[in-house]
Amino acid sequence: MSGGWLEGRRALVVGAGSGIGRAVVDAFLAEGARVAVLERDPDKSRALADELPEVPVTVGDATTRAANDEAVGSAVSTFGGLDVLVNCVGVFDFYRSVVDLDADVLDTAFNEMFRTNVLSHLQSVKSALPHLRKSGHGVVLLTESTSSYYPGRGGVLYLSSKFAVRGLVTGLAHDLAPEVRVNGVAPGGTLGTDLRGLPSLGTAERSLGDTPGRAEELASRIPLQVALSGEDHAWSYVFLASDRARGITGGVVHPDGGVGVSAAPKKRS
């Protein structure tokens, strides 16, 4: 596409096999970017490679240095450099309260949650950083959540991990300026997500997107009364990756349907 918001940009999307990550890939391509991906699930990786043969696909675990180094290397060798890193990796705890967490699995569950939701982001940034600095307009976009700001949108492990991602955005934006901008996107509940649980809690095969009546439930709990999709969220990433956001770092976009204004009841005249 000529003249897109991301024309000529070279991007790596980590966690791109489904949901928001896949929507970001499609939106970036539509706006003129060249995109590579890192995805852990072999079936999702094959589907990506079949549907988007122009997209280099690396199969690997984003929590590891090796997988991120391989994905960054693939992007750089194919495109000649890297301008944008997006990380959409995450797991969920299905609203598990500390009251309901068995003390015998707390250590393991904590490690699973923070390794996936926090360490994966650091690993991808560390691998991509030398190339982002060379870019001249390097951008890092990390996926926060409404749970990075408000209780009740996940359990105690998920909330605390997403608060940590919020902290990463702040710390990295400070450390990497002026060469690299770092921002977050904090989506609300999302249709079609394949966000899964923790092995230690017995929910690794459970997908949040399969929840019955999810569209109605999502729409009912936010002021705009819409059930948002990955495609809705993807345009926030497009904006922050583009030169239109060149003055923004350490910030966040909240595509959440108005969660932040939903606490107080409306006044009636």
Protein backbone atom coordinates (compact mmCIF):
# COMPACT_ATOMS: atom_id res chain seq x y z
CA MET A 1 0.00 0.00 0.00
CA SER A 2 1.38 3.42 -0.97
CA GLY A 3 1.10 6.30 1.46
CA GLY A 4 0.07 4.30 4.51
CA TRP A 5 0.78 5.52 8.02
CA LEU A 6 3.61 2.98 8.35
CA GLU A 7 4.96 3.09 4.81
CA GLY A 8 8.47 1.63 4.77
CA ARG A 9 8.51 0.68 8.46
CA ARG A 10 10.06 -2.68 9.40
CA ALA A 11 8.28 -4.33 12.31
CA LEU A 12 8.43 -7.43 14.48
CA VAL A 13 5.23 -8.51 16.24
CA VAL A 14 5.75 -10.94 19.12
CA GLY A 15 2.75 -13.11 19.98
CA ALA A 16 1.17 -12.65 16.57
CA GLY A 17 -0.70 -15.92 16.07
CA SER A 18 -4.17 -14.81 17.10
CA GLY A 19 -6.22 -12.10 18.76
CA ILE A 20 -4.71 -8.63 19.08
CA GLY A 21 -1.29 -9.69 17.81
CA ARG A 22 -2.70 -11.07 14.57
CA ALA A 23 -4.86 -7.97 14.12
CA VAL A 24 -1.77 -5.79 14.56
CA VAL A 25 0.02 -7.75 11.82
CA ASP A 26 -2.88 -7.19 9.42
CA ALA A 27 -3.21 -3.49 10.27
CA PHE A 28 0.53 -2.86 9.93
CA LEU A 29 0.59 -4.57 6.54
CA ALA A 30 -2.42 -2.54 5.42
CA GLU A 31 -0.58 0.65 6.39
CA GLY A 32 2.52 -0.17 4.37
CA ALA A 33 4.80 -1.84 6.93
CA ARG A 34 6.86 -4.95 6.37
CA VAL A 35 6.22 -7.35 9.23
CA ALA A 36 7.92 -10.36 10.78
CA VAL A 37 6.44 -12.39 13.64
CA LEU A 38 7.39 -14.56 16.57
CA GLU A 39 4.76 -17.08 17.68
CA ARG A 40 5.03 -20.05 20.04
CA ASP A 41 2.12 -22.15 18.74
CA PRO A 42 3.16 -24.26 15.71
CA ASP A 43 -0.37 -24.48 14.30
CA LYS A 44 -0.88 -20.72 14.47
CA SER A 45 2.55 -20.21 12.96
CA ARG A 46 1.72 -22.48 10.02
CA ALA A 47 -1.54 -20.64 9.46
CA LEU A 48 0.28 -17.31 9.43
CA ALA A 49 2.89 -18.57 6.99
CA ASP A 50 0.22 -20.00 4.67
CA GLU A 51 -1.98 -16.89 4.73
CA LEU A 52 0.81 -14.30 4.64
CA PRO A 53 3.74 -15.79 2.69
CA GLU A 54 5.51 -12.41 2.65
CA VAL A 55 5.75 -12.44 6.47
CA PRO A 56 8.80 -14.21 8.02
CA VAL A 57 7.54 -16.44 10.84
CA THR A 58 9.71 -17.64 13.70
CA VAL A 59 8.34 -20.40 15.92
CA GLY A 60 9.56 -20.09 19.48
CA ASP A 61 8.95 -19.17 23.10
CA ALA A 62 9.05 -15.40 23.58
CA THR A 63 10.18 -15.78 27.19
CA THR A 64 13.57 -17.01 25.96
CA ARG A 65 16.50 -15.04 24.64
CA ALA A 66 17.12 -17.57 21.86
CA ALA A 67 13.66 -17.25 20.29
CA ASN A 68 13.75 -13.45 20.36
CA ASP A 69 17.26 -13.33 18.93
CA GLU A 70 16.17 -15.65 16.13
CA ALA A 71 13.05 -13.59 15.32
CA VAL A 72 14.96 -10.31 15.38
CA GLY A 73 17.66 -11.83 13.20
CA SER A 74 15.07 -13.05 10.71
CA ALA A 75 13.45 -9.62 10.49
CA VAL A 76 16.76 -7.81 10.10
CA SER A 77 18.13 -10.20 7.48
CA THR A 78 14.88 -9.98 5.48
CA PHE A 79 14.21 -6.25 5.78
CA GLY A 80 17.68 -4.82 6.35
CA GLY A 81 16.83 -3.44 9.77
CA LEU A 82 14.11 -3.02 12.38
CA ASP A 83 12.06 0.06 13.28
CA VAL A 84 9.17 -1.18 15.40
CA LEU A 85 8.81 -3.88 18.05
CA VAL A 86 5.35 -4.90 19.27
CA ASN A 87 4.80 -7.42 22.06
CA CYS A 88 1.32 -8.89 22.53
CA VAL A 89 2.27 -11.97 24.59
CA GLY A 90 0.15 -12.81 27.64
CA VAL A 91 -1.59 -15.39 29.81
CA PHE A 92 -4.56 -14.95 32.15
CA ASP A 93 -5.57 -16.16 35.62
CA PHE A 94 -9.34 -16.20 35.12
CA TYR A 95 -10.00 -13.76 37.98
CA ARG A 96 -8.38 -15.94 40.66
CA SER A 97 -8.33 -14.10 44.00
CA VAL A 98 -5.47 -14.55 46.46
CA VAL A 99 -8.08 -16.11 48.74
CA ASP A 100 -8.57 -18.88 46.18
CA LEU A 101 -4.91 -19.47 45.34
CA ASP A 102 -3.54 -22.65 46.87
CA ALA A 103 -0.34 -21.83 48.77
CA ASP A 104 1.26 -24.97 47.33
CA VAL A 105 1.09 -23.63 43.76
CA LEU A 106 1.64 -19.93 44.44
CA ASP A 107 5.35 -19.98 43.62
CA THR A 108 4.81 -21.83 40.35
CA ALA A 109 1.80 -19.77 39.30
CA PHE A 110 3.64 -16.53 40.01
CA ASN A 111 6.62 -17.64 37.95
CA GLU A 112 4.42 -18.75 35.05
CA MET A 113 2.51 -15.47 35.04
CA PHE A 114 5.45 -13.11 35.34
CA ARG A 115 7.71 -15.08 33.03
CA THR A 116 5.13 -14.87 30.26
CA ASN A 117 3.60 -11.44 30.86
CA VAL A 118 6.71 -9.53 31.92
CA LEU A 119 9.93 -11.36 31.04
CA SER A 120 8.82 -11.94 27.44
CA HIS A 121 8.54 -8.17 26.99
CA LEU A 122 12.01 -7.57 28.38
CA GLN A 123 13.53 -10.34 26.30
CA SER A 124 12.06 -8.98 23.08
CA VAL A 125 13.19 -5.43 23.84
CA LYS A 126 16.71 -6.59 24.72
CA SER A 127 17.05 -8.54 21.48
CA ALA A 128 15.63 -5.78 19.28
CA LEU A 129 17.31 -2.81 20.96
CA PRO A 130 20.55 -2.53 18.95
CA HIS A 131 18.58 -2.43 15.70
CA LEU A 132 15.90 -0.07 17.03
CA ARG A 133 18.62 2.36 18.07
CA LYS A 134 20.12 2.27 14.57
CA SER A 135 16.74 2.87 13.00
CA GLY A 136 16.53 6.60 13.61
CA HIS A 137 12.87 6.27 14.57
CA GLY A 138 12.78 3.19 16.78
CA VAL A 139 9.51 2.34 18.52
CA VAL A 140 8.61 -0.20 21.22
CA LEU A 141 4.94 -0.95 21.89
CA LEU A 142 4.03 -3.16 24.84
CA THR A 143 0.58 -4.54 25.59
CA GLU A 144 -0.75 -3.38 28.93
CA SER A 145 -4.41 -3.93 29.89
CA THR A 146 -7.28 -2.28 31.70
CA SER A 147 -5.92 -4.46 34.50
CA SER A 148 -2.84 -2.20 34.52
CA TYR A 149 -5.10 0.52 35.92
CA TYR A 150 -8.27 -0.91 37.49
CA PRO A 151 -9.14 -3.87 39.74
CA GLY A 152 -11.72 -6.47 38.79
CA ARG A 153 -10.45 -7.07 35.25
CA GLY A 154 -8.42 -10.11 36.26
CA GLY A 155 -7.11 -11.88 39.33
CA VAL A 156 -4.29 -10.79 41.60
CA LEU A 157 -1.51 -12.41 39.56
CA TYR A 158 -2.73 -11.01 36.25
CA LEU A 159 -3.27 -7.51 37.65
CA SER A 160 0.14 -7.36 39.26
CA SER A 161 1.85 -8.62 36.10
CA LYS A 162 0.10 -6.00 34.00
CA PHE A 163 1.02 -3.28 36.47
CA ALA A 164 4.59 -4.48 35.91
CA VAL A 165 4.22 -4.03 32.15
CA ARG A 166 2.98 -0.51 32.84
CA GLY A 167 6.18 0.00 34.82
CA LEU A 168 8.26 -1.36 31.95
CA VAL A 169 6.80 1.26 29.63
CA THR A 170 7.74 4.04 32.04
CA GLY A 171 11.22 2.72 32.80
CA LEU A 172 12.11 1.85 29.22
CA ALA A 173 10.83 5.18 27.88
CA HIS A 174 13.16 6.94 30.31
CA ASP A 175 16.14 4.70 29.58
CA LEU A 176 15.87 4.55 25.79
CA ALA A 177 15.15 8.19 24.92
CA PRO A 178 15.96 9.88 22.64
CA GLU A 179 16.72 7.07 20.20
CA VAL A 180 13.67 4.89 20.90
CA ARG A 181 10.09 5.79 21.85
CA VAL A 182 8.30 3.37 24.20
CA ASN A 183 4.53 3.33 24.71
CA GLY A 184 1.79 1.00 25.82
CA VAL A 185 -1.64 0.02 24.59
CA ALA A 186 -4.10 -0.97 27.32
CA PRO A 187 -6.98 -2.84 25.66
CA GLY A 188 -10.17 -3.68 27.46
CA GLY A 189 -11.91 -7.03 27.10
CA THR A 190 -11.53 -8.40 23.59
CA LEU A 191 -13.66 -10.58 21.36
CA GLY A 192 -11.94 -13.51 19.67
CA THR A 193 -8.95 -13.57 21.98
CA ASP A 194 -7.20 -16.86 22.63
CA LEU A 195 -5.87 -15.66 25.98
CA ARG A 196 -5.24 -18.82 28.01
CA GLY A 197 -4.59 -19.73 31.62
CA LEU A 198 -1.73 -21.14 33.67
CA PRO A 199 -0.68 -24.80 33.69
CA SER A 200 -0.23 -24.75 37.47
CA LEU A 201 -3.84 -23.62 37.91
CA GLY A 202 -5.18 -26.21 35.47
CA THR A 203 -6.37 -23.63 32.93
CA ALA A 204 -3.73 -23.86 30.20
CA GLU A 205 -6.29 -25.23 27.73
CA ARG A 206 -9.01 -22.78 28.69
CA SER A 207 -9.43 -19.80 26.35
CA LEU A 208 -11.00 -16.55 27.53
CA GLY A 209 -12.46 -16.03 24.07
CA ASP A 210 -14.59 -19.16 24.44
CA THR A 211 -16.56 -17.76 27.38
CA PRO A 212 -20.32 -18.12 26.65
CA GLY A 213 -22.14 -14.84 26.08
CA ARG A 214 -18.87 -12.94 25.97
CA ALA A 215 -19.96 -10.27 23.46
CA GLU A 216 -22.99 -9.32 25.53
CA GLU A 217 -21.00 -9.35 28.76
CA LEU A 218 -18.23 -7.16 27.34
CA ALA A 219 -20.66 -4.61 25.96
CA SER A 220 -22.69 -4.44 29.17
CA ARG A 221 -19.82 -3.42 31.45
CA ILE A 222 -18.47 -0.35 29.62
CA PRO A 223 -20.00 3.07 28.89
CA LEU A 224 -19.79 2.79 25.08
CA GLN A 225 -21.63 -0.56 25.24
CA VAL A 226 -19.59 -2.12 22.44
CA ALA A 227 -17.75 -5.42 22.34
CA LEU A 228 -14.32 -4.55 20.99
CA SER A 229 -12.22 -6.81 18.76
CA GLY A 230 -8.53 -7.17 18.08
CA GLU A 231 -9.07 -5.13 14.95
CA ASP A 232 -10.46 -2.27 17.03
CA HIS A 233 -7.37 -2.29 19.24
CA ALA A 234 -4.87 -2.63 16.38
CA TRP A 235 -5.28 0.95 15.20
CA SER A 236 -3.93 2.25 18.51
CA TYR A 237 -0.71 0.38 17.76
CA VAL A 238 -0.65 1.82 14.23
CA PHE A 239 -0.94 5.37 15.57
CA LEU A 240 1.76 4.94 18.20
CA ALA A 241 4.12 3.30 15.70
CA SER A 242 3.71 6.13 13.22
CA ASP A 243 5.36 9.55 12.97
CA ARG A 244 2.04 11.05 14.00
CA ALA A 245 2.98 9.98 17.54
CA ARG A 246 6.58 11.17 17.32
CA GLY A 247 6.17 13.38 20.40
CA ILE A 248 4.78 10.61 22.59
CA THR A 249 6.85 8.33 24.82
CA GLY A 250 6.11 6.75 28.18
CA GLY A 251 2.41 7.03 27.36
CA VAL A 252 -0.53 4.74 26.79
CA VAL A 253 -3.64 4.54 24.64
CA HIS A 254 -6.76 3.05 26.26
CA PRO A 255 -9.04 1.33 23.70
CA ASP A 256 -11.36 0.07 26.45
CA GLY A 257 -14.78 1.55 25.73
CA GLY A 258 -14.57 4.06 28.56
CA VAL A 259 -13.73 1.89 31.58
CA GLY A 260 -12.13 4.86 33.32
CA VAL A 261 -15.39 6.82 33.44
CA SER A 262 -17.65 3.94 34.43
CA ALA A 263 -17.23 4.03 38.23
CA ALA A 264 -19.52 6.95 39.07
CA PRO A 265 -23.22 6.84 38.14
CA LYS A 266 -24.48 9.45 35.70
CA LYS A 267 -26.32 12.40 37.20
CA ARG A 268 -29.95 12.66 36.13
CA SER A 269 -31.69 16.01 35.87
